[in-house]
mmCIF file of all heavy atoms, coordinates in Angstrom:
data_MODEL
# 
_entry.id   MODEL 
# 
loop_
_atom_site.group_PDB 
_atom_site.id 
_atom_site.type_symbol 
_atom_site.label_atom_id 
_atom_site.label_alt_id 
_atom_site.label_comp_id 
_atom_site.label_asym_id 
_atom_site.label_entity_id 
_atom_site.label_seq_id 
_atom_site.pdbx_PDB_ins_code 
_atom_site.Cartn_x 
_atom_site.Cartn_y 
_atom_site.Cartn_z 
_atom_site.occupancy 
_atom_site.B_iso_or_equiv 
_atom_site.pdbx_formal_charge 
_atom_site.auth_seq_id 
_atom_site.auth_comp_id 
_atom_site.auth_asym_id 
_atom_site.auth_atom_id 
_atom_site.pdbx_PDB_model_num 
ATOM 1   N N   . PRO A 1 1  ? 0.824  -1.247 -0.019 1.00 0.00 ? 1  PRO A N   1 
ATOM 2   C CA  . PRO A 1 1  ? 0.003  -0.039 0.020  1.00 0.00 ? 1  PRO A CA  1 
ATOM 3   C C   . PRO A 1 1  ? 0.833  1.308  0.009  1.00 0.00 ? 1  PRO A C   1 
ATOM 4   O O   . PRO A 1 1  ? 2.076  1.236  0.262  1.00 0.00 ? 1  PRO A O   1 
ATOM 5   C CB  . PRO A 1 1  ? -0.810 -0.165 1.318  1.00 0.00 ? 1  PRO A CB  1 
ATOM 6   C CG  . PRO A 1 1  ? 0.007  -0.976 2.222  1.00 0.00 ? 1  PRO A CG  1 
ATOM 7   C CD  . PRO A 1 1  ? 0.719  -1.954 1.277  1.00 0.00 ? 1  PRO A CD  1 
ATOM 8   N N   . SER A 1 2  ? 0.159  2.374  -0.278 1.00 0.00 ? 2  SER A N   1 
ATOM 9   C CA  . SER A 1 2  ? 0.859  3.685  -0.378 1.00 0.00 ? 2  SER A CA  1 
ATOM 10  C C   . SER A 1 2  ? 1.338  4.141  0.973  1.00 0.00 ? 2  SER A C   1 
ATOM 11  O O   . SER A 1 2  ? 2.149  5.130  1.052  1.00 0.00 ? 2  SER A O   1 
ATOM 12  C CB  . SER A 1 2  ? -0.053 4.748  -1.035 1.00 0.00 ? 2  SER A CB  1 
ATOM 13  O OG  . SER A 1 2  ? -1.228 4.879  -0.237 1.00 0.00 ? 2  SER A OG  1 
ATOM 14  N N   . THR A 1 3  ? 0.938  3.500  2.065  1.00 0.00 ? 3  THR A N   1 
ATOM 15  C CA  . THR A 1 3  ? 1.342  3.925  3.398  1.00 0.00 ? 3  THR A CA  1 
ATOM 16  C C   . THR A 1 3  ? 2.745  3.324  3.716  1.00 0.00 ? 3  THR A C   1 
ATOM 17  O O   . THR A 1 3  ? 3.334  3.647  4.790  1.00 0.00 ? 3  THR A O   1 
ATOM 18  C CB  . THR A 1 3  ? 0.379  3.429  4.486  1.00 0.00 ? 3  THR A CB  1 
ATOM 19  O OG1 . THR A 1 3  ? 0.059  2.093  4.261  1.00 0.00 ? 3  THR A OG1 1 
ATOM 20  C CG2 . THR A 1 3  ? -0.905 4.290  4.395  1.00 0.00 ? 3  THR A CG2 1 
ATOM 21  N N   . TYR A 1 4  ? 3.300  2.490  2.809  1.00 0.00 ? 4  TYR A N   1 
ATOM 22  C CA  . TYR A 1 4  ? 4.645  2.080  2.994  1.00 0.00 ? 4  TYR A CA  1 
ATOM 23  C C   . TYR A 1 4  ? 5.608  3.201  2.860  1.00 0.00 ? 4  TYR A C   1 
ATOM 24  O O   . TYR A 1 4  ? 5.536  3.993  1.926  1.00 0.00 ? 4  TYR A O   1 
ATOM 25  C CB  . TYR A 1 4  ? 4.995  1.009  1.871  1.00 0.00 ? 4  TYR A CB  1 
ATOM 26  C CG  . TYR A 1 4  ? 6.466  0.740  1.693  1.00 0.00 ? 4  TYR A CG  1 
ATOM 27  C CD1 . TYR A 1 4  ? 7.206  0.065  2.645  1.00 0.00 ? 4  TYR A CD1 1 
ATOM 28  C CD2 . TYR A 1 4  ? 7.104  1.222  0.578  1.00 0.00 ? 4  TYR A CD2 1 
ATOM 29  C CE1 . TYR A 1 4  ? 8.525  -0.211 2.489  1.00 0.00 ? 4  TYR A CE1 1 
ATOM 30  C CE2 . TYR A 1 4  ? 8.458  0.949  0.391  1.00 0.00 ? 4  TYR A CE2 1 
ATOM 31  C CZ  . TYR A 1 4  ? 9.154  0.244  1.301  1.00 0.00 ? 4  TYR A CZ  1 
ATOM 32  O OH  . TYR A 1 4  ? 10.513 0.000  1.160  1.00 0.00 ? 4  TYR A OH  1 
ATOM 33  N N   . VAL A 1 5  ? 6.489  3.388  3.875  1.00 0.00 ? 5  VAL A N   1 
ATOM 34  C CA  . VAL A 1 5  ? 7.484  4.443  3.873  1.00 0.00 ? 5  VAL A CA  1 
ATOM 35  C C   . VAL A 1 5  ? 8.847  3.834  3.342  1.00 0.00 ? 5  VAL A C   1 
ATOM 36  O O   . VAL A 1 5  ? 9.350  2.895  4.088  1.00 0.00 ? 5  VAL A O   1 
ATOM 37  C CB  . VAL A 1 5  ? 7.651  5.081  5.250  1.00 0.00 ? 5  VAL A CB  1 
ATOM 38  C CG1 . VAL A 1 5  ? 8.763  6.160  5.253  1.00 0.00 ? 5  VAL A CG1 1 
ATOM 39  C CG2 . VAL A 1 5  ? 6.379  5.627  5.808  1.00 0.00 ? 5  VAL A CG2 1 
ATOM 40  N N   . PRO A 1 6  ? 9.315  4.257  2.215  1.00 0.00 ? 6  PRO A N   1 
ATOM 41  C CA  . PRO A 1 6  ? 10.506 3.552  1.655  1.00 0.00 ? 6  PRO A CA  1 
ATOM 42  C C   . PRO A 1 6  ? 11.651 3.414  2.649  1.00 0.00 ? 6  PRO A C   1 
ATOM 43  O O   . PRO A 1 6  ? 12.170 4.396  3.166  1.00 0.00 ? 6  PRO A O   1 
ATOM 44  C CB  . PRO A 1 6  ? 10.895 4.509  0.461  1.00 0.00 ? 6  PRO A CB  1 
ATOM 45  C CG  . PRO A 1 6  ? 9.565  5.120  0.084  1.00 0.00 ? 6  PRO A CG  1 
ATOM 46  C CD  . PRO A 1 6  ? 8.880  5.354  1.356  1.00 0.00 ? 6  PRO A CD  1 
ATOM 47  N N   . ALA A 1 7  ? 12.003 2.131  2.814  1.00 0.00 ? 7  ALA A N   1 
ATOM 48  C CA  . ALA A 1 7  ? 13.206 1.722  3.610  1.00 0.00 ? 7  ALA A CA  1 
ATOM 49  C C   . ALA A 1 7  ? 13.091 2.163  5.069  1.00 0.00 ? 7  ALA A C   1 
ATOM 50  O O   . ALA A 1 7  ? 14.176 2.232  5.735  1.00 0.00 ? 7  ALA A O   1 
ATOM 51  C CB  . ALA A 1 7  ? 14.453 2.241  2.981  1.00 0.00 ? 7  ALA A CB  1 
ATOM 52  N N   . ARG A 1 8  ? 11.968 2.493  5.624  1.00 0.00 ? 8  ARG A N   1 
ATOM 53  C CA  . ARG A 1 8  ? 11.840 3.036  6.920  1.00 0.00 ? 8  ARG A CA  1 
ATOM 54  C C   . ARG A 1 8  ? 12.436 2.080  7.999  1.00 0.00 ? 8  ARG A C   1 
ATOM 55  O O   . ARG A 1 8  ? 13.210 2.576  8.861  1.00 0.00 ? 8  ARG A O   1 
ATOM 56  C CB  . ARG A 1 8  ? 10.361 3.314  7.319  1.00 0.00 ? 8  ARG A CB  1 
ATOM 57  C CG  . ARG A 1 8  ? 10.185 3.884  8.689  1.00 0.00 ? 8  ARG A CG  1 
ATOM 58  C CD  . ARG A 1 8  ? 8.721  4.210  8.953  1.00 0.00 ? 8  ARG A CD  1 
ATOM 59  N NE  . ARG A 1 8  ? 7.830  3.117  8.829  1.00 0.00 ? 8  ARG A NE  1 
ATOM 60  C CZ  . ARG A 1 8  ? 6.545  3.171  9.036  1.00 0.00 ? 8  ARG A CZ  1 
ATOM 61  N NH1 . ARG A 1 8  ? 5.951  4.374  9.335  1.00 0.00 ? 8  ARG A NH1 1 
ATOM 62  N NH2 . ARG A 1 8  ? 5.765  2.112  8.877  1.00 0.00 ? 8  ARG A NH2 1 
ATOM 63  N N   . ASN A 1 9  ? 12.159 0.822  7.972  1.00 0.00 ? 9  ASN A N   1 
ATOM 64  C CA  . ASN A 1 9  ? 12.702 -0.046 9.065  1.00 0.00 ? 9  ASN A CA  1 
ATOM 65  C C   . ASN A 1 9  ? 14.188 -0.260 8.908  1.00 0.00 ? 9  ASN A C   1 
ATOM 66  O O   . ASN A 1 9  ? 14.886 -0.485 9.927  1.00 0.00 ? 9  ASN A O   1 
ATOM 67  C CB  . ASN A 1 9  ? 11.968 -1.432 9.037  1.00 0.00 ? 9  ASN A CB  1 
ATOM 68  C CG  . ASN A 1 9  ? 10.640 -1.342 9.773  1.00 0.00 ? 9  ASN A CG  1 
ATOM 69  O OD1 . ASN A 1 9  ? 10.352 -0.364 10.516 1.00 0.00 ? 9  ASN A OD1 1 
ATOM 70  N ND2 . ASN A 1 9  ? 9.793  -2.291 9.497  1.00 0.00 ? 9  ASN A ND2 1 
ATOM 71  N N   . ILE A 1 10 ? 14.735 -0.211 7.710  1.00 0.00 ? 10 ILE A N   1 
ATOM 72  C CA  . ILE A 1 10 ? 16.152 -0.225 7.523  1.00 0.00 ? 10 ILE A CA  1 
ATOM 73  C C   . ILE A 1 10 ? 16.804 1.026  8.233  1.00 0.00 ? 10 ILE A C   1 
ATOM 74  O O   . ILE A 1 10 ? 17.810 0.849  8.938  1.00 0.00 ? 10 ILE A O   1 
ATOM 75  C CB  . ILE A 1 10 ? 16.520 -0.228 6.017  1.00 0.00 ? 10 ILE A CB  1 
ATOM 76  C CG1 . ILE A 1 10 ? 15.976 -1.503 5.356  1.00 0.00 ? 10 ILE A CG1 1 
ATOM 77  C CG2 . ILE A 1 10 ? 18.083 -0.174 5.854  1.00 0.00 ? 10 ILE A CG2 1 
ATOM 78  C CD1 . ILE A 1 10 ? 16.159 -1.505 3.843  1.00 0.00 ? 10 ILE A CD1 1 
ATOM 79  N N   . ILE A 1 11 ? 16.251 2.136  8.005  1.00 0.00 ? 11 ILE A N   1 
ATOM 80  C CA  . ILE A 1 11 ? 16.784 3.413  8.587  1.00 0.00 ? 11 ILE A CA  1 
ATOM 81  C C   . ILE A 1 11 ? 16.607 3.344  10.046 1.00 0.00 ? 11 ILE A C   1 
ATOM 82  O O   . ILE A 1 11 ? 17.572 3.754  10.840 1.00 0.00 ? 11 ILE A O   1 
ATOM 83  C CB  . ILE A 1 11 ? 16.001 4.608  7.975  1.00 0.00 ? 11 ILE A CB  1 
ATOM 84  C CG1 . ILE A 1 11 ? 16.363 4.715  6.466  1.00 0.00 ? 11 ILE A CG1 1 
ATOM 85  C CG2 . ILE A 1 11 ? 16.367 5.885  8.697  1.00 0.00 ? 11 ILE A CG2 1 
ATOM 86  C CD1 . ILE A 1 11 ? 15.460 5.659  5.723  1.00 0.00 ? 11 ILE A CD1 1 
ATOM 87  N N   . PHE A 1 12 ? 15.479 2.995  10.624 1.00 0.00 ? 12 PHE A N   1 
ATOM 88  C CA  . PHE A 1 12 ? 15.244 2.944  12.006 1.00 0.00 ? 12 PHE A CA  1 
ATOM 89  C C   . PHE A 1 12 ? 16.151 1.961  12.741 1.00 0.00 ? 12 PHE A C   1 
ATOM 90  O O   . PHE A 1 12 ? 16.711 2.246  13.766 1.00 0.00 ? 12 PHE A O   1 
ATOM 91  C CB  . PHE A 1 12 ? 13.769 2.595  12.328 1.00 0.00 ? 12 PHE A CB  1 
ATOM 92  C CG  . PHE A 1 12 ? 12.790 3.692  11.988 1.00 0.00 ? 12 PHE A CG  1 
ATOM 93  C CD1 . PHE A 1 12 ? 13.229 4.900  11.450 1.00 0.00 ? 12 PHE A CD1 1 
ATOM 94  C CD2 . PHE A 1 12 ? 11.424 3.526  12.277 1.00 0.00 ? 12 PHE A CD2 1 
ATOM 95  C CE1 . PHE A 1 12 ? 12.278 5.929  11.160 1.00 0.00 ? 12 PHE A CE1 1 
ATOM 96  C CE2 . PHE A 1 12 ? 10.478 4.519  11.976 1.00 0.00 ? 12 PHE A CE2 1 
ATOM 97  C CZ  . PHE A 1 12 ? 10.940 5.694  11.442 1.00 0.00 ? 12 PHE A CZ  1 
ATOM 98  N N   . LEU A 1 13 ? 16.292 0.777  12.145 1.00 0.00 ? 13 LEU A N   1 
ATOM 99  C CA  . LEU A 1 13 ? 17.114 -0.247 12.733 1.00 0.00 ? 13 LEU A CA  1 
ATOM 100 C C   . LEU A 1 13 ? 18.622 0.135  12.704 1.00 0.00 ? 13 LEU A C   1 
ATOM 101 O O   . LEU A 1 13 ? 19.349 -0.204 13.647 1.00 0.00 ? 13 LEU A O   1 
ATOM 102 C CB  . LEU A 1 13 ? 16.966 -1.591 12.029 1.00 0.00 ? 13 LEU A CB  1 
ATOM 103 C CG  . LEU A 1 13 ? 15.767 -2.381 12.477 1.00 0.00 ? 13 LEU A CG  1 
ATOM 104 C CD1 . LEU A 1 13 ? 15.553 -3.583 11.483 1.00 0.00 ? 13 LEU A CD1 1 
ATOM 105 C CD2 . LEU A 1 13 ? 15.932 -2.940 13.911 1.00 0.00 ? 13 LEU A CD2 1 
ATOM 106 N N   . ALA A 1 14 ? 19.007 0.859  11.699 1.00 0.00 ? 14 ALA A N   1 
ATOM 107 C CA  . ALA A 1 14 ? 20.422 1.318  11.635 1.00 0.00 ? 14 ALA A CA  1 
ATOM 108 C C   . ALA A 1 14 ? 20.692 2.274  12.802 1.00 0.00 ? 14 ALA A C   1 
ATOM 109 O O   . ALA A 1 14 ? 21.742 2.230  13.470 1.00 0.00 ? 14 ALA A O   1 
ATOM 110 C CB  . ALA A 1 14 ? 20.697 1.972  10.268 1.00 0.00 ? 14 ALA A CB  1 
ATOM 111 N N   . HIS A 1 15 ? 19.738 3.199  13.053 1.00 0.00 ? 15 HIS A N   1 
ATOM 112 C CA  . HIS A 1 15 ? 19.941 4.092  14.165 1.00 0.00 ? 15 HIS A CA  1 
ATOM 113 C C   . HIS A 1 15 ? 19.880 3.319  15.523 1.00 0.00 ? 15 HIS A C   1 
ATOM 114 O O   . HIS A 1 15 ? 20.650 3.663  16.421 1.00 0.00 ? 15 HIS A O   1 
ATOM 115 C CB  . HIS A 1 15 ? 18.791 5.128  14.166 1.00 0.00 ? 15 HIS A CB  1 
ATOM 116 C CG  . HIS A 1 15 ? 19.002 6.203  13.143 1.00 0.00 ? 15 HIS A CG  1 
ATOM 117 N ND1 . HIS A 1 15 ? 18.737 6.012  11.829 1.00 0.00 ? 15 HIS A ND1 1 
ATOM 118 C CD2 . HIS A 1 15 ? 19.468 7.440  13.240 1.00 0.00 ? 15 HIS A CD2 1 
ATOM 119 C CE1 . HIS A 1 15 ? 18.961 7.102  11.164 1.00 0.00 ? 15 HIS A CE1 1 
ATOM 120 N NE2 . HIS A 1 15 ? 19.450 8.002  11.985 1.00 0.00 ? 15 HIS A NE2 1 
ATOM 121 N N   . ALA A 1 16 ? 18.962 2.327  15.675 1.00 0.00 ? 16 ALA A N   1 
ATOM 122 C CA  . ALA A 1 16 ? 18.917 1.581  16.889 1.00 0.00 ? 16 ALA A CA  1 
ATOM 123 C C   . ALA A 1 16 ? 20.239 0.793  17.082 1.00 0.00 ? 16 ALA A C   1 
ATOM 124 O O   . ALA A 1 16 ? 20.704 0.726  18.247 1.00 0.00 ? 16 ALA A O   1 
ATOM 125 C CB  . ALA A 1 16 ? 17.710 0.538  16.828 1.00 0.00 ? 16 ALA A CB  1 
ATOM 126 N N   . LEU A 1 17 ? 20.783 0.291  16.052 1.00 0.00 ? 17 LEU A N   1 
ATOM 127 C CA  . LEU A 1 17 ? 22.054 -0.481 16.134 1.00 0.00 ? 17 LEU A CA  1 
ATOM 128 C C   . LEU A 1 17 ? 23.173 0.447  16.574 1.00 0.00 ? 17 LEU A C   1 
ATOM 129 O O   . LEU A 1 17 ? 23.996 0.072  17.357 1.00 0.00 ? 17 LEU A O   1 
ATOM 130 C CB  . LEU A 1 17 ? 22.325 -1.037 14.778 1.00 0.00 ? 17 LEU A CB  1 
ATOM 131 C CG  . LEU A 1 17 ? 23.621 -1.960 14.645 1.00 0.00 ? 17 LEU A CG  1 
ATOM 132 C CD1 . LEU A 1 17 ? 23.539 -3.093 15.572 1.00 0.00 ? 17 LEU A CD1 1 
ATOM 133 C CD2 . LEU A 1 17 ? 23.712 -2.427 13.188 1.00 0.00 ? 17 LEU A CD2 1 
ATOM 134 N N   . SER A 1 18 ? 23.215 1.628  15.990 1.00 0.00 ? 18 SER A N   1 
ATOM 135 C CA  . SER A 1 18 ? 24.251 2.646  16.433 1.00 0.00 ? 18 SER A CA  1 
ATOM 136 C C   . SER A 1 18 ? 24.202 2.933  17.889 1.00 0.00 ? 18 SER A C   1 
ATOM 137 O O   . SER A 1 18 ? 25.141 3.015  18.598 1.00 0.00 ? 18 SER A O   1 
ATOM 138 C CB  . SER A 1 18 ? 24.068 3.871  15.533 1.00 0.00 ? 18 SER A CB  1 
ATOM 139 O OG  . SER A 1 18 ? 25.025 4.866  15.879 1.00 0.00 ? 18 SER A OG  1 
ATOM 140 N N   . TRP A 1 19 ? 22.938 3.204  18.393 1.00 0.00 ? 19 TRP A N   1 
ATOM 141 C CA  . TRP A 1 19 ? 22.788 3.534  19.781 1.00 0.00 ? 19 TRP A CA  1 
ATOM 142 C C   . TRP A 1 19 ? 23.102 2.402  20.631 1.00 0.00 ? 19 TRP A C   1 
ATOM 143 O O   . TRP A 1 19 ? 23.682 2.553  21.689 1.00 0.00 ? 19 TRP A O   1 
ATOM 144 C CB  . TRP A 1 19 ? 21.348 4.071  19.996 1.00 0.00 ? 19 TRP A CB  1 
ATOM 145 C CG  . TRP A 1 19 ? 21.154 4.775  21.292 1.00 0.00 ? 19 TRP A CG  1 
ATOM 146 C CD1 . TRP A 1 19 ? 22.074 5.462  22.056 1.00 0.00 ? 19 TRP A CD1 1 
ATOM 147 C CD2 . TRP A 1 19 ? 19.941 4.973  22.077 1.00 0.00 ? 19 TRP A CD2 1 
ATOM 148 N NE1 . TRP A 1 19 ? 21.529 5.985  23.174 1.00 0.00 ? 19 TRP A NE1 1 
ATOM 149 C CE2 . TRP A 1 19 ? 20.211 5.700  23.201 1.00 0.00 ? 19 TRP A CE2 1 
ATOM 150 C CE3 . TRP A 1 19 ? 18.653 4.508  21.836 1.00 0.00 ? 19 TRP A CE3 1 
ATOM 151 C CZ2 . TRP A 1 19 ? 19.285 6.023  24.183 1.00 0.00 ? 19 TRP A CZ2 1 
ATOM 152 C CZ3 . TRP A 1 19 ? 17.654 4.789  22.762 1.00 0.00 ? 19 TRP A CZ3 1 
ATOM 153 C CH2 . TRP A 1 19 ? 17.914 5.621  23.900 1.00 0.00 ? 19 TRP A CH2 1 
ATOM 154 N N   . ALA A 1 20 ? 22.723 1.172  20.252 1.00 0.00 ? 20 ALA A N   1 
ATOM 155 C CA  . ALA A 1 20 ? 23.069 -0.017 21.031 1.00 0.00 ? 20 ALA A CA  1 
ATOM 156 C C   . ALA A 1 20 ? 24.530 -0.182 21.239 1.00 0.00 ? 20 ALA A C   1 
ATOM 157 O O   . ALA A 1 20 ? 25.021 -0.504 22.268 1.00 0.00 ? 20 ALA A O   1 
ATOM 158 C CB  . ALA A 1 20 ? 22.429 -1.236 20.328 1.00 0.00 ? 20 ALA A CB  1 
ATOM 159 N N   . GLU A 1 21 ? 25.274 0.136  20.116 1.00 0.00 ? 21 GLU A N   1 
ATOM 160 C CA  . GLU A 1 21 ? 26.756 0.012  20.261 1.00 0.00 ? 21 GLU A CA  1 
ATOM 161 C C   . GLU A 1 21 ? 27.304 1.041  21.287 1.00 0.00 ? 21 GLU A C   1 
ATOM 162 O O   . GLU A 1 21 ? 28.162 0.689  22.093 1.00 0.00 ? 21 GLU A O   1 
ATOM 163 C CB  . GLU A 1 21 ? 27.416 0.313  18.934 1.00 0.00 ? 21 GLU A CB  1 
ATOM 164 C CG  . GLU A 1 21 ? 27.407 -0.887 17.946 1.00 0.00 ? 21 GLU A CG  1 
ATOM 165 C CD  . GLU A 1 21 ? 28.647 -0.920 17.110 1.00 0.00 ? 21 GLU A CD  1 
ATOM 166 O OE1 . GLU A 1 21 ? 28.727 -0.117 16.156 1.00 0.00 ? 21 GLU A OE1 1 
ATOM 167 O OE2 . GLU A 1 21 ? 29.539 -1.730 17.401 1.00 0.00 ? 21 GLU A OE2 1 
ATOM 168 N N   . VAL A 1 22 ? 26.749 2.268  21.327 1.00 0.00 ? 22 VAL A N   1 
ATOM 169 C CA  . VAL A 1 22 ? 27.169 3.244  22.243 1.00 0.00 ? 22 VAL A CA  1 
ATOM 170 C C   . VAL A 1 22 ? 26.816 2.787  23.706 1.00 0.00 ? 22 VAL A C   1 
ATOM 171 O O   . VAL A 1 22 ? 27.626 2.976  24.618 1.00 0.00 ? 22 VAL A O   1 
ATOM 172 C CB  . VAL A 1 22 ? 26.587 4.543  21.894 1.00 0.00 ? 22 VAL A CB  1 
ATOM 173 C CG1 . VAL A 1 22 ? 26.804 5.618  23.013 1.00 0.00 ? 22 VAL A CG1 1 
ATOM 174 C CG2 . VAL A 1 22 ? 27.093 5.087  20.601 1.00 0.00 ? 22 VAL A CG2 1 
ATOM 175 N N   . LEU A 1 23 ? 25.640 2.222  23.830 1.00 0.00 ? 23 LEU A N   1 
ATOM 176 C CA  . LEU A 1 23 ? 25.144 1.808  25.197 1.00 0.00 ? 23 LEU A CA  1 
ATOM 177 C C   . LEU A 1 23 ? 25.798 0.535  25.683 1.00 0.00 ? 23 LEU A C   1 
ATOM 178 O O   . LEU A 1 23 ? 25.756 0.210  26.857 1.00 0.00 ? 23 LEU A O   1 
ATOM 179 C CB  . LEU A 1 23 ? 23.644 1.593  25.137 1.00 0.00 ? 23 LEU A CB  1 
ATOM 180 C CG  . LEU A 1 23 ? 22.767 2.827  24.912 1.00 0.00 ? 23 LEU A CG  1 
ATOM 181 C CD1 . LEU A 1 23 ? 21.317 2.378  24.597 1.00 0.00 ? 23 LEU A CD1 1 
ATOM 182 C CD2 . LEU A 1 23 ? 22.842 3.760  26.055 1.00 0.00 ? 23 LEU A CD2 1 
ATOM 183 N N   . GLY A 1 24 ? 26.420 -0.153 24.778 1.00 0.00 ? 24 GLY A N   1 
ATOM 184 C CA  . GLY A 1 24 ? 26.989 -1.465 25.103 1.00 0.00 ? 24 GLY A CA  1 
ATOM 185 C C   . GLY A 1 24 ? 25.890 -2.544 25.171 1.00 0.00 ? 24 GLY A C   1 
ATOM 186 O O   . GLY A 1 24 ? 26.038 -3.518 25.878 1.00 0.00 ? 24 GLY A O   1 
ATOM 187 N N   . ALA A 1 25 ? 24.757 -2.260 24.492 1.00 0.00 ? 25 ALA A N   1 
ATOM 188 C CA  . ALA A 1 25 ? 23.638 -3.243 24.449 1.00 0.00 ? 25 ALA A CA  1 
ATOM 189 C C   . ALA A 1 25 ? 23.790 -4.117 23.234 1.00 0.00 ? 25 ALA A C   1 
ATOM 190 O O   . ALA A 1 25 ? 24.279 -3.695 22.199 1.00 0.00 ? 25 ALA A O   1 
ATOM 191 C CB  . ALA A 1 25 ? 22.334 -2.471 24.372 1.00 0.00 ? 25 ALA A CB  1 
# 
């Protein structure tokens, strides 16, 4: 559907991964 945001979860997960590294998570 048109409510799909292109590559959104890739972008969100990349940020989560970056923060996890900083946190030691």
